[in-house]
Amino acid sequence: MEKPGRKRSEDARGAVLRAMRELVTEQGYAHVTIEKIAARARVGKPTIYRWWQSKNAILAECVLSGEVLPTPVTTDSAAGLSDDATAWFRAVLSYVDDNAPLLRGLVAAAYEDQTIAAQLAALLADPFEAAFTEWAAAGVGAADVSTRGLAQLLHGAILYRLSQGSDDGDDLTEELFAILVSRLRPQA
């Protein structure tokens, strides 16, 4: 979060965000320090602390600025429901896999900082749940299916995928999704 006072240099801001992304990818979030970020970005620590209160805040801005999750696209036909949902979920997994080191760090930061946890929910979890609920509204056939519960189950699977470093597709995340989407098909 930017503090009042001098205007932030966009060059310095971009350098700090690039440095964070590079360091987290290379070393993992736990090994990143403000000192390493400053050295990589070629800025002083006071420049960093002028606009960010912690490495958590830098990571949050790095990951949560701009469009995060792929936008869901749906057809009006019930037959296309599972295909649309599956294509979107694969795009989400691709995003997660491409940004795994940063997202792992962000999840860790969210445990320490309620503001980041709220940002993570608003920009990642809530849109995911909304998209999943949209498909559910079009296709849930059984009243016993809780779309919120299914979305949370998928969140858990994605978090587990992140925690295990399983970005090679050799996990059960997509299989779980296929099972859940099968519950969303309209009953005949």
N, C-alpha and C. Protein backbone atom coordinates (compact mmCIF):
# COMPACT_ATOMS: atom_id res chain seq x y z
N MET A 1 0.85 -1.17 0.00
CA MET A 1 0.00 0.00 0.00
C MET A 1 0.89 1.23 0.00
N GLU A 2 0.60 2.16 -0.84
CA GLU A 2 1.43 3.36 -0.97
C GLU A 2 1.14 4.32 0.18
N LYS A 3 2.21 4.82 0.76
CA LYS A 3 2.09 5.78 1.86
C LYS A 3 2.00 7.19 1.28
N PRO A 4 1.37 8.14 2.01
CA PRO A 4 1.33 9.52 1.53
C PRO A 4 2.74 10.11 1.51
N GLY A 5 2.94 11.09 0.68
CA GLY A 5 4.25 11.73 0.60
C GLY A 5 4.71 11.80 -0.84
N ARG A 6 6.02 11.62 -1.02
CA ARG A 6 6.59 11.70 -2.36
C ARG A 6 5.95 10.69 -3.30
N LYS A 7 5.86 11.09 -4.56
CA LYS A 7 5.29 10.21 -5.57
C LYS A 7 6.28 9.09 -5.89
N ARG A 8 5.77 7.90 -5.97
CA ARG A 8 6.61 6.74 -6.26
C ARG A 8 7.10 6.78 -7.69
N SER A 9 8.38 6.51 -7.89
CA SER A 9 8.95 6.39 -9.23
C SER A 9 8.45 5.10 -9.85
N GLU A 10 7.83 5.21 -11.01
CA GLU A 10 7.33 4.01 -11.69
C GLU A 10 8.47 3.08 -12.10
N ASP A 11 9.62 3.65 -12.41
CA ASP A 11 10.78 2.81 -12.73
C ASP A 11 11.21 2.00 -11.51
N ALA A 12 11.29 2.66 -10.36
CA ALA A 12 11.67 1.96 -9.13
C ALA A 12 10.62 0.92 -8.77
N ARG A 13 9.36 1.28 -8.91
CA ARG A 13 8.26 0.34 -8.60
C ARG A 13 8.37 -0.90 -9.47
N GLY A 14 8.53 -0.70 -10.76
CA GLY A 14 8.66 -1.84 -11.68
C GLY A 14 9.87 -2.69 -11.37
N ALA A 15 10.99 -2.04 -11.01
CA ALA A 15 12.21 -2.77 -10.68
C ALA A 15 12.01 -3.62 -9.42
N VAL A 16 11.32 -3.07 -8.43
CA VAL A 16 11.08 -3.81 -7.19
C VAL A 16 10.16 -5.00 -7.46
N LEU A 17 9.10 -4.80 -8.22
CA LEU A 17 8.18 -5.90 -8.52
C LEU A 17 8.87 -6.99 -9.35
N ARG A 18 9.69 -6.59 -10.32
CA ARG A 18 10.45 -7.58 -11.12
C ARG A 18 11.42 -8.34 -10.22
N ALA A 19 12.08 -7.61 -9.34
CA ALA A 19 13.03 -8.26 -8.43
C ALA A 19 12.32 -9.28 -7.54
N MET A 20 11.16 -8.91 -7.02
CA MET A 20 10.41 -9.84 -6.19
C MET A 20 10.05 -11.09 -6.98
N ARG A 21 9.51 -10.90 -8.17
CA ARG A 21 9.12 -12.04 -9.00
C ARG A 21 10.32 -12.95 -9.28
N GLU A 22 11.43 -12.37 -9.66
CA GLU A 22 12.62 -13.15 -9.98
C GLU A 22 13.15 -13.89 -8.76
N LEU A 23 13.27 -13.19 -7.64
CA LEU A 23 13.82 -13.81 -6.43
C LEU A 23 12.94 -14.94 -5.91
N VAL A 24 11.63 -14.72 -5.90
CA VAL A 24 10.73 -15.77 -5.43
C VAL A 24 10.83 -16.99 -6.34
N THR A 25 10.89 -16.76 -7.64
CA THR A 25 11.00 -17.87 -8.58
C THR A 25 12.32 -18.61 -8.41
N GLU A 26 13.39 -17.89 -8.20
CA GLU A 26 14.72 -18.49 -8.08
C GLU A 26 14.96 -19.15 -6.72
N GLN A 27 14.53 -18.47 -5.63
CA GLN A 27 14.94 -18.89 -4.29
C GLN A 27 13.80 -19.36 -3.40
N GLY A 28 12.57 -19.07 -3.77
CA GLY A 28 11.44 -19.36 -2.90
C GLY A 28 11.18 -18.18 -1.98
N TYR A 29 9.94 -17.99 -1.63
CA TYR A 29 9.51 -16.83 -0.85
C TYR A 29 10.22 -16.72 0.49
N ALA A 30 10.42 -17.83 1.17
CA ALA A 30 11.02 -17.81 2.50
C ALA A 30 12.43 -17.23 2.49
N HIS A 31 13.12 -17.32 1.37
CA HIS A 31 14.50 -16.85 1.29
C HIS A 31 14.64 -15.42 0.78
N VAL A 32 13.53 -14.80 0.43
CA VAL A 32 13.57 -13.42 -0.08
C VAL A 32 13.57 -12.47 1.10
N THR A 33 14.45 -11.48 1.02
CA THR A 33 14.52 -10.44 2.05
C THR A 33 14.42 -9.07 1.37
N ILE A 34 14.10 -8.09 2.16
CA ILE A 34 14.07 -6.72 1.65
C ILE A 34 15.45 -6.34 1.10
N GLU A 35 16.50 -6.77 1.77
CA GLU A 35 17.86 -6.48 1.32
C GLU A 35 18.11 -7.05 -0.08
N LYS A 36 17.69 -8.28 -0.30
CA LYS A 36 17.88 -8.92 -1.61
C LYS A 36 17.05 -8.21 -2.68
N ILE A 37 15.84 -7.83 -2.32
CA ILE A 37 14.99 -7.11 -3.28
C ILE A 37 15.63 -5.79 -3.66
N ALA A 38 16.09 -5.05 -2.66
CA ALA A 38 16.71 -3.74 -2.92
C ALA A 38 17.95 -3.90 -3.79
N ALA A 39 18.77 -4.90 -3.50
CA ALA A 39 19.98 -5.11 -4.29
C ALA A 39 19.64 -5.47 -5.73
N ARG A 40 18.69 -6.35 -5.90
CA ARG A 40 18.32 -6.79 -7.26
C ARG A 40 17.69 -5.64 -8.03
N ALA A 41 16.84 -4.85 -7.37
CA ALA A 41 16.14 -3.74 -8.03
C ALA A 41 17.04 -2.51 -8.18
N ARG A 42 18.18 -2.51 -7.49
CA ARG A 42 19.11 -1.38 -7.50
C ARG A 42 18.44 -0.11 -6.93
N VAL A 43 17.76 -0.33 -5.81
CA VAL A 43 17.16 0.79 -5.07
C VAL A 43 17.57 0.63 -3.61
N GLY A 44 17.43 1.68 -2.86
CA GLY A 44 17.73 1.61 -1.44
C GLY A 44 16.57 1.04 -0.65
N LYS A 45 16.89 0.47 0.51
CA LYS A 45 15.83 -0.04 1.38
C LYS A 45 14.84 1.06 1.76
N PRO A 46 15.29 2.32 2.01
CA PRO A 46 14.31 3.36 2.32
C PRO A 46 13.30 3.58 1.18
N THR A 47 13.74 3.40 -0.07
CA THR A 47 12.81 3.52 -1.20
C THR A 47 11.72 2.47 -1.10
N ILE A 48 12.11 1.26 -0.74
CA ILE A 48 11.13 0.18 -0.61
C ILE A 48 10.18 0.49 0.54
N TYR A 49 10.74 0.81 1.71
CA TYR A 49 9.89 1.03 2.88
C TYR A 49 9.05 2.30 2.78
N ARG A 50 9.40 3.18 1.87
CA ARG A 50 8.59 4.38 1.68
C ARG A 50 7.20 4.00 1.16
N TRP A 51 7.12 2.94 0.37
CA TRP A 51 5.83 2.60 -0.26
C TRP A 51 5.28 1.24 0.09
N TRP A 52 6.10 0.36 0.65
CA TRP A 52 5.61 -0.95 1.07
C TRP A 52 6.03 -1.19 2.50
N GLN A 53 5.14 -1.75 3.29
CA GLN A 53 5.46 -1.97 4.70
C GLN A 53 6.21 -3.27 4.95
N SER A 54 6.19 -4.19 3.97
CA SER A 54 6.84 -5.49 4.18
C SER A 54 7.03 -6.19 2.84
N LYS A 55 7.77 -7.29 2.88
CA LYS A 55 7.92 -8.08 1.66
C LYS A 55 6.57 -8.71 1.28
N ASN A 56 5.73 -8.97 2.28
CA ASN A 56 4.38 -9.47 2.00
C ASN A 56 3.61 -8.50 1.10
N ALA A 57 3.71 -7.22 1.43
CA ALA A 57 2.98 -6.20 0.66
C ALA A 57 3.52 -6.11 -0.77
N ILE A 58 4.83 -6.25 -0.93
CA ILE A 58 5.41 -6.23 -2.28
C ILE A 58 4.91 -7.43 -3.07
N LEU A 59 4.94 -8.60 -2.45
CA LEU A 59 4.47 -9.80 -3.13
C LEU A 59 3.00 -9.68 -3.51
N ALA A 60 2.20 -9.17 -2.58
CA ALA A 60 0.77 -9.02 -2.86
C ALA A 60 0.56 -8.12 -4.08
N GLU A 61 1.27 -7.00 -4.13
CA GLU A 61 1.11 -6.11 -5.28
C GLU A 61 1.60 -6.78 -6.56
N CYS A 62 2.68 -7.52 -6.44
CA CYS A 62 3.26 -8.21 -7.59
C CYS A 62 2.26 -9.20 -8.18
N VAL A 63 1.61 -9.97 -7.33
CA VAL A 63 0.71 -11.02 -7.79
C VAL A 63 -0.69 -10.51 -8.06
N LEU A 64 -1.19 -9.62 -7.22
CA LEU A 64 -2.60 -9.26 -7.27
C LEU A 64 -2.92 -8.04 -8.12
N SER A 65 -1.92 -7.41 -8.69
CA SER A 65 -2.22 -6.27 -9.56
C SER A 65 -2.57 -6.78 -10.95
N GLY A 66 -3.55 -6.16 -11.55
CA GLY A 66 -3.95 -6.57 -12.90
C GLY A 66 -4.90 -7.76 -12.86
N GLU A 67 -5.19 -8.29 -14.04
CA GLU A 67 -6.09 -9.43 -14.16
C GLU A 67 -5.37 -10.67 -13.67
N VAL A 68 -6.02 -11.43 -12.83
CA VAL A 68 -5.37 -12.57 -12.22
C VAL A 68 -5.86 -13.87 -12.83
N LEU A 69 -7.10 -14.20 -12.62
CA LEU A 69 -7.61 -15.47 -13.13
C LEU A 69 -8.18 -15.29 -14.53
N PRO A 70 -8.09 -16.35 -15.35
CA PRO A 70 -8.75 -16.30 -16.66
C PRO A 70 -10.25 -16.07 -16.49
N THR A 71 -10.81 -15.28 -17.37
CA THR A 71 -12.23 -14.98 -17.33
C THR A 71 -13.03 -16.16 -17.88
N PRO A 72 -14.04 -16.61 -17.16
CA PRO A 72 -14.81 -17.75 -17.66
C PRO A 72 -15.67 -17.36 -18.87
N VAL A 73 -15.78 -18.28 -19.79
CA VAL A 73 -16.63 -18.12 -20.96
C VAL A 73 -17.61 -19.28 -20.96
N THR A 74 -18.88 -18.96 -21.08
CA THR A 74 -19.87 -20.03 -21.06
C THR A 74 -20.80 -19.92 -22.25
N THR A 75 -21.30 -21.08 -22.63
CA THR A 75 -22.30 -21.13 -23.69
C THR A 75 -23.67 -21.24 -23.03
N ASP A 76 -24.70 -21.07 -23.82
CA ASP A 76 -26.05 -21.19 -23.29
C ASP A 76 -26.54 -22.63 -23.29
N SER A 77 -25.83 -23.50 -23.97
CA SER A 77 -26.32 -24.87 -24.07
C SER A 77 -25.86 -25.71 -22.89
N ALA A 78 -26.75 -26.56 -22.43
CA ALA A 78 -26.41 -27.45 -21.33
C ALA A 78 -25.32 -28.43 -21.75
N ALA A 79 -25.31 -28.79 -23.02
CA ALA A 79 -24.32 -29.74 -23.52
C ALA A 79 -22.91 -29.17 -23.44
N GLY A 80 -22.77 -27.85 -23.61
CA GLY A 80 -21.46 -27.24 -23.58
C GLY A 80 -20.99 -26.87 -22.19
N LEU A 81 -21.83 -27.10 -21.18
CA LEU A 81 -21.52 -26.71 -19.82
C LEU A 81 -20.21 -27.33 -19.33
N SER A 82 -20.07 -28.63 -19.40
CA SER A 82 -18.87 -29.26 -18.86
C SER A 82 -17.64 -28.92 -19.69
N ASP A 83 -17.80 -28.77 -21.02
CA ASP A 83 -16.66 -28.38 -21.85
C ASP A 83 -16.17 -26.99 -21.50
N ASP A 84 -17.09 -26.04 -21.32
CA ASP A 84 -16.72 -24.68 -20.94
C ASP A 84 -16.03 -24.67 -19.58
N ALA A 85 -16.62 -25.36 -18.62
CA ALA A 85 -16.07 -25.41 -17.27
C ALA A 85 -14.68 -26.04 -17.28
N THR A 86 -14.52 -27.11 -18.02
CA THR A 86 -13.24 -27.80 -18.08
C THR A 86 -12.17 -26.93 -18.74
N ALA A 87 -12.51 -26.26 -19.82
CA ALA A 87 -11.54 -25.38 -20.49
C ALA A 87 -11.11 -24.25 -19.56
N TRP A 88 -12.08 -23.66 -18.84
CA TRP A 88 -11.75 -22.60 -17.91
C TRP A 88 -10.87 -23.12 -16.78
N PHE A 89 -11.22 -24.27 -16.21
CA PHE A 89 -10.44 -24.80 -15.09
C PHE A 89 -9.01 -25.12 -15.53
N ARG A 90 -8.85 -25.63 -16.73
CA ARG A 90 -7.49 -25.89 -17.23
C ARG A 90 -6.72 -24.59 -17.38
N ALA A 91 -7.39 -23.52 -17.80
CA ALA A 91 -6.73 -22.21 -17.89
C ALA A 91 -6.34 -21.71 -16.49
N VAL A 92 -7.19 -21.94 -15.49
CA VAL A 92 -6.87 -21.58 -14.11
C VAL A 92 -5.64 -22.36 -13.64
N LEU A 93 -5.63 -23.68 -13.90
CA LEU A 93 -4.49 -24.50 -13.49
C LEU A 93 -3.21 -24.06 -14.20
N SER A 94 -3.33 -23.68 -15.45
CA SER A 94 -2.17 -23.19 -16.19
C SER A 94 -1.64 -21.91 -15.54
N TYR A 95 -2.55 -21.00 -15.17
CA TYR A 95 -2.16 -19.78 -14.47
C TYR A 95 -1.47 -20.13 -13.15
N VAL A 96 -2.06 -21.04 -12.39
CA VAL A 96 -1.49 -21.45 -11.10
C VAL A 96 -0.10 -22.04 -11.30
N ASP A 97 0.03 -22.93 -12.27
CA ASP A 97 1.32 -23.57 -12.51
C ASP A 97 2.37 -22.56 -12.97
N ASP A 98 1.99 -21.63 -13.83
CA ASP A 98 2.93 -20.62 -14.34
C ASP A 98 3.39 -19.67 -13.24
N ASN A 99 2.56 -19.47 -12.23
CA ASN A 99 2.86 -18.52 -11.16
C ASN A 99 3.01 -19.19 -9.80
N ALA A 100 3.30 -20.49 -9.79
CA ALA A 100 3.32 -21.27 -8.55
C ALA A 100 4.22 -20.68 -7.46
N PRO A 101 5.46 -20.31 -7.75
CA PRO A 101 6.29 -19.78 -6.65
C PRO A 101 5.69 -18.52 -6.03
N LEU A 102 5.16 -17.64 -6.86
CA LEU A 102 4.56 -16.41 -6.34
C LEU A 102 3.29 -16.71 -5.54
N LEU A 103 2.48 -17.61 -6.04
CA LEU A 103 1.23 -17.94 -5.35
C LEU A 103 1.51 -18.66 -4.03
N ARG A 104 2.52 -19.52 -4.01
CA ARG A 104 2.90 -20.16 -2.74
C ARG A 104 3.27 -19.09 -1.72
N GLY A 105 4.07 -18.13 -2.15
CA GLY A 105 4.46 -17.05 -1.26
C GLY A 105 3.27 -16.23 -0.81
N LEU A 106 2.35 -15.97 -1.73
CA LEU A 106 1.18 -15.17 -1.40
C LEU A 106 0.30 -15.87 -0.37
N VAL A 107 0.13 -17.18 -0.52
CA VAL A 107 -0.65 -17.94 0.45
C VAL A 107 0.03 -17.87 1.82
N ALA A 108 1.35 -18.01 1.84
CA ALA A 108 2.09 -17.89 3.11
C ALA A 108 1.91 -16.50 3.71
N ALA A 109 2.00 -15.47 2.88
CA ALA A 109 1.83 -14.10 3.36
C ALA A 109 0.42 -13.88 3.89
N ALA A 110 -0.56 -14.51 3.29
CA ALA A 110 -1.95 -14.35 3.73
C ALA A 110 -2.17 -14.89 5.14
N TYR A 111 -1.39 -15.89 5.53
CA TYR A 111 -1.49 -16.40 6.89
C TYR A 111 -1.00 -15.38 7.91
N GLU A 112 -0.08 -14.52 7.51
CA GLU A 112 0.50 -13.54 8.41
C GLU A 112 -0.19 -12.18 8.37
N ASP A 113 -0.92 -11.91 7.30
CA ASP A 113 -1.44 -10.56 7.09
C ASP A 113 -2.89 -10.64 6.61
N GLN A 114 -3.81 -10.19 7.46
CA GLN A 114 -5.24 -10.27 7.13
C GLN A 114 -5.62 -9.42 5.92
N THR A 115 -4.90 -8.32 5.68
CA THR A 115 -5.18 -7.49 4.52
C THR A 115 -4.87 -8.27 3.24
N ILE A 116 -3.76 -8.98 3.24
CA ILE A 116 -3.40 -9.79 2.07
C ILE A 116 -4.37 -10.95 1.92
N ALA A 117 -4.79 -11.53 3.03
CA ALA A 117 -5.77 -12.61 2.97
C ALA A 117 -7.07 -12.12 2.33
N ALA A 118 -7.50 -10.92 2.69
CA ALA A 118 -8.72 -10.35 2.11
C ALA A 118 -8.53 -10.07 0.61
N GLN A 119 -7.34 -9.55 0.25
CA GLN A 119 -7.06 -9.31 -1.18
C GLN A 119 -7.05 -10.62 -1.96
N LEU A 120 -6.43 -11.63 -1.38
CA LEU A 120 -6.37 -12.94 -2.03
C LEU A 120 -7.77 -13.49 -2.25
N ALA A 121 -8.62 -13.35 -1.25
CA ALA A 121 -10.00 -13.81 -1.39
C ALA A 121 -10.74 -13.02 -2.46
N ALA A 122 -10.61 -11.70 -2.43
CA ALA A 122 -11.35 -10.85 -3.36
C ALA A 122 -10.90 -11.02 -4.80
N LEU A 123 -9.62 -11.24 -5.01
CA LEU A 123 -9.11 -11.28 -6.38
C LEU A 123 -8.91 -12.67 -6.95
N LEU A 124 -8.88 -13.69 -6.08
CA LEU A 124 -8.70 -15.05 -6.58
C LEU A 124 -9.85 -15.97 -6.18
N ALA A 125 -10.06 -16.14 -4.88
CA ALA A 125 -11.03 -17.12 -4.41
C ALA A 125 -12.47 -16.74 -4.78
N ASP A 126 -12.85 -15.50 -4.55
CA ASP A 126 -14.23 -15.09 -4.84
C ASP A 126 -14.58 -15.18 -6.33
N PRO A 127 -13.70 -14.71 -7.24
CA PRO A 127 -14.03 -14.86 -8.67
C PRO A 127 -14.11 -16.33 -9.09
N PHE A 128 -13.25 -17.16 -8.50
CA PHE A 128 -13.29 -18.59 -8.80
C PHE A 128 -14.63 -19.17 -8.38
N GLU A 129 -15.04 -18.84 -7.16
CA GLU A 129 -16.31 -19.35 -6.65
C GLU A 129 -17.49 -18.81 -7.47
N ALA A 130 -17.43 -17.55 -7.88
CA ALA A 130 -18.50 -16.96 -8.68
C ALA A 130 -18.63 -17.66 -10.03
N ALA A 131 -17.48 -17.93 -10.67
CA ALA A 131 -17.52 -18.62 -11.97
C ALA A 131 -18.07 -20.03 -11.80
N PHE A 132 -17.63 -20.70 -10.77
CA PHE A 132 -18.11 -22.07 -10.53
C PHE A 132 -19.61 -22.05 -10.25
N THR A 133 -20.06 -21.07 -9.48
CA THR A 133 -21.48 -20.94 -9.16
C THR A 133 -22.31 -20.65 -10.41
N GLU A 134 -21.74 -19.88 -11.34
CA GLU A 134 -22.44 -19.60 -12.59
C GLU A 134 -22.74 -20.89 -13.35
N TRP A 135 -21.76 -21.76 -13.44
CA TRP A 135 -22.00 -23.04 -14.10
C TRP A 135 -22.99 -23.88 -13.31
N ALA A 136 -22.87 -23.84 -12.00
CA ALA A 136 -23.78 -24.61 -11.18
C ALA A 136 -25.22 -24.16 -11.38
N ALA A 137 -25.43 -22.84 -11.45
CA ALA A 137 -26.78 -22.31 -11.64
C ALA A 137 -27.36 -22.78 -12.97
N ALA A 138 -26.50 -22.96 -13.95
CA ALA A 138 -26.98 -23.43 -15.25
C ALA A 138 -27.17 -24.93 -15.30
N GLY A 139 -26.51 -25.66 -14.36
CA GLY A 139 -26.53 -27.09 -14.55
C GLY A 139 -26.70 -27.99 -13.36
N VAL A 140 -26.88 -27.46 -12.16
CA VAL A 140 -27.05 -28.38 -11.05
C VAL A 140 -28.38 -29.09 -11.17
N GLY A 141 -28.31 -30.39 -11.12
CA GLY A 141 -29.54 -31.16 -11.24
C GLY A 141 -30.03 -31.67 -9.90
N ALA A 142 -29.13 -31.79 -8.96
CA ALA A 142 -29.51 -32.34 -7.66
C ALA A 142 -29.44 -31.25 -6.60
N ALA A 143 -30.47 -31.18 -5.77
CA ALA A 143 -30.55 -30.13 -4.75
C ALA A 143 -29.51 -30.34 -3.64
N ASP A 144 -28.92 -31.54 -3.55
CA ASP A 144 -27.97 -31.80 -2.47
C ASP A 144 -26.56 -31.29 -2.77
N VAL A 145 -26.37 -30.66 -3.91
CA VAL A 145 -25.05 -30.17 -4.28
C VAL A 145 -24.89 -28.72 -3.80
N SER A 146 -23.92 -28.49 -2.95
CA SER A 146 -23.61 -27.14 -2.50
C SER A 146 -22.49 -26.59 -3.37
N THR A 147 -22.81 -25.63 -4.21
CA THR A 147 -21.79 -25.10 -5.11
C THR A 147 -20.68 -24.42 -4.34
N ARG A 148 -21.02 -23.78 -3.23
CA ARG A 148 -19.97 -23.15 -2.41
C ARG A 148 -19.04 -24.21 -1.86
N GLY A 149 -19.59 -25.29 -1.39
CA GLY A 149 -18.78 -26.40 -0.88
C GLY A 149 -17.91 -27.01 -1.96
N LEU A 150 -18.47 -27.18 -3.16
CA LEU A 150 -17.68 -27.72 -4.27
C LEU A 150 -16.55 -26.77 -4.65
N ALA A 151 -16.85 -25.47 -4.68
CA ALA A 151 -15.81 -24.49 -5.01
C ALA A 151 -14.71 -24.52 -3.96
N GLN A 152 -15.08 -24.63 -2.68
CA GLN A 152 -14.07 -24.69 -1.63
C GLN A 152 -13.25 -25.97 -1.72
N LEU A 153 -13.88 -27.05 -2.10
CA LEU A 153 -13.14 -28.30 -2.30
C LEU A 153 -12.10 -28.13 -3.40
N LEU A 154 -12.47 -27.45 -4.47
CA LEU A 154 -11.52 -27.20 -5.55
C LEU A 154 -10.42 -26.25 -5.11
N HIS A 155 -10.77 -25.24 -4.31
CA HIS A 155 -9.73 -24.35 -3.75
C HIS A 155 -8.71 -25.18 -2.99
N GLY A 156 -9.21 -26.09 -2.17
CA GLY A 156 -8.33 -26.95 -1.39
C GLY A 156 -7.43 -27.80 -2.28
N ALA A 157 -7.99 -28.32 -3.36
CA ALA A 157 -7.20 -29.13 -4.28
C ALA A 157 -6.10 -28.30 -4.94
N ILE A 158 -6.44 -27.06 -5.28
CA ILE A 158 -5.44 -26.18 -5.91
C ILE A 158 -4.36 -25.82 -4.89
N LEU A 159 -4.74 -25.52 -3.66
CA LEU A 159 -3.76 -25.22 -2.62
C LEU A 159 -2.87 -26.43 -2.35
N TYR A 160 -3.47 -27.60 -2.35
CA TYR A 160 -2.68 -28.82 -2.16
C TYR A 160 -1.69 -28.99 -3.32
N ARG A 161 -2.17 -28.76 -4.53
CA ARG A 161 -1.30 -28.83 -5.71
C ARG A 161 -0.12 -27.86 -5.56
N LEU A 162 -0.40 -26.63 -5.09
CA LEU A 162 0.66 -25.66 -4.86
C LEU A 162 1.63 -26.12 -3.79
N SER A 163 1.10 -26.63 -2.69
CA SER A 163 1.95 -27.03 -1.56
C SER A 163 2.84 -28.21 -1.90
N GLN A 164 2.38 -29.06 -2.79
CA GLN A 164 3.16 -30.24 -3.17
C GLN A 164 4.11 -29.97 -4.32
N GLY A 165 3.96 -28.81 -4.94
CA GLY A 165 4.80 -28.51 -6.09
C GLY A 165 4.41 -29.35 -7.30
N SER A 166 3.19 -29.85 -7.31
CA SER A 166 2.73 -30.71 -8.40
C SER A 166 2.23 -29.86 -9.55
N ASP A 167 3.16 -29.30 -10.32
CA ASP A 167 2.75 -28.51 -11.47
C ASP A 167 3.02 -29.25 -12.77
N ASP A 168 3.21 -30.54 -12.66
CA ASP A 168 3.46 -31.34 -13.86
C ASP A 168 2.21 -32.07 -14.34
N GLY A 169 1.07 -31.77 -13.73
CA GLY A 169 -0.19 -32.39 -14.13
C GLY A 169 -0.35 -33.80 -13.58
N ASP A 170 0.60 -34.26 -12.76
CA ASP A 170 0.55 -35.62 -12.23
C ASP A 170 -0.11 -35.63 -10.86
N ASP A 171 -1.22 -34.97 -10.75
CA ASP A 171 -1.97 -35.01 -9.51
C ASP A 171 -3.43 -35.24 -9.87
N LEU A 172 -4.27 -35.21 -8.87
CA LEU A 172 -5.68 -35.55 -9.09
C LEU A 172 -6.57 -34.33 -9.21
N THR A 173 -6.00 -33.14 -9.34
CA THR A 173 -6.79 -31.91 -9.38
C THR A 173 -7.78 -31.93 -10.54
N GLU A 174 -7.30 -32.25 -11.74
CA GLU A 174 -8.20 -32.27 -12.90
C GLU A 174 -9.22 -33.40 -12.80
N GLU A 175 -8.81 -34.52 -12.26
CA GLU A 175 -9.74 -35.64 -12.09
C GLU A 175 -10.85 -35.26 -11.10
N LEU A 176 -10.48 -34.61 -10.01
CA LEU A 176 -11.47 -34.15 -9.03
C LEU A 176 -12.43 -33.17 -9.69
N PHE A 177 -11.89 -32.23 -10.48
CA PHE A 177 -12.73 -31.27 -11.16
C PHE A 177 -13.73 -31.97 -12.08
N ALA A 178 -13.27 -32.96 -12.83
CA ALA A 178 -14.16 -33.69 -13.75
C ALA A 178 -15.30 -34.37 -12.98
N ILE A 179 -14.97 -34.91 -11.83
CA ILE A 179 -16.01 -35.55 -11.00
C ILE A 179 -17.03 -34.51 -10.54
N LEU A 180 -16.53 -33.36 -10.08
CA LEU A 180 -17.44 -32.31 -9.60
C LEU A 180 -18.28 -31.74 -10.73
N VAL A 181 -17.68 -31.52 -11.90
CA VAL A 181 -18.44 -31.00 -13.02
C VAL A 181 -19.52 -31.99 -13.44
N SER A 182 -19.24 -33.28 -13.32
CA SER A 182 -20.27 -34.27 -13.68
C SER A 182 -21.50 -34.11 -12.80
N ARG A 183 -21.34 -33.59 -11.59
CA ARG A 183 -22.48 -33.34 -10.69
C ARG A 183 -23.26 -32.11 -11.13
N LEU A 184 -22.66 -31.29 -12.00
CA LEU A 184 -23.32 -30.06 -12.41
C LEU A 184 -24.13 -30.24 -13.69
N ARG A 185 -24.07 -31.39 -14.28
CA ARG A 185 -24.84 -31.60 -15.51
C ARG A 185 -26.33 -31.68 -15.17
N PRO A 186 -27.14 -31.04 -16.00
CA PRO A 186 -28.59 -31.09 -15.72
C PRO A 186 -29.11 -32.51 -15.74
N GLN A 187 -30.03 -32.78 -14.86
CA GLN A 187 -30.68 -34.09 -14.83
C GLN A 187 -31.68 -34.16 -15.99
N ALA A 188 -31.74 -35.29 -16.61
CA ALA A 188 -32.68 -35.47 -17.74
C ALA A 188 -34.08 -35.69 -17.25
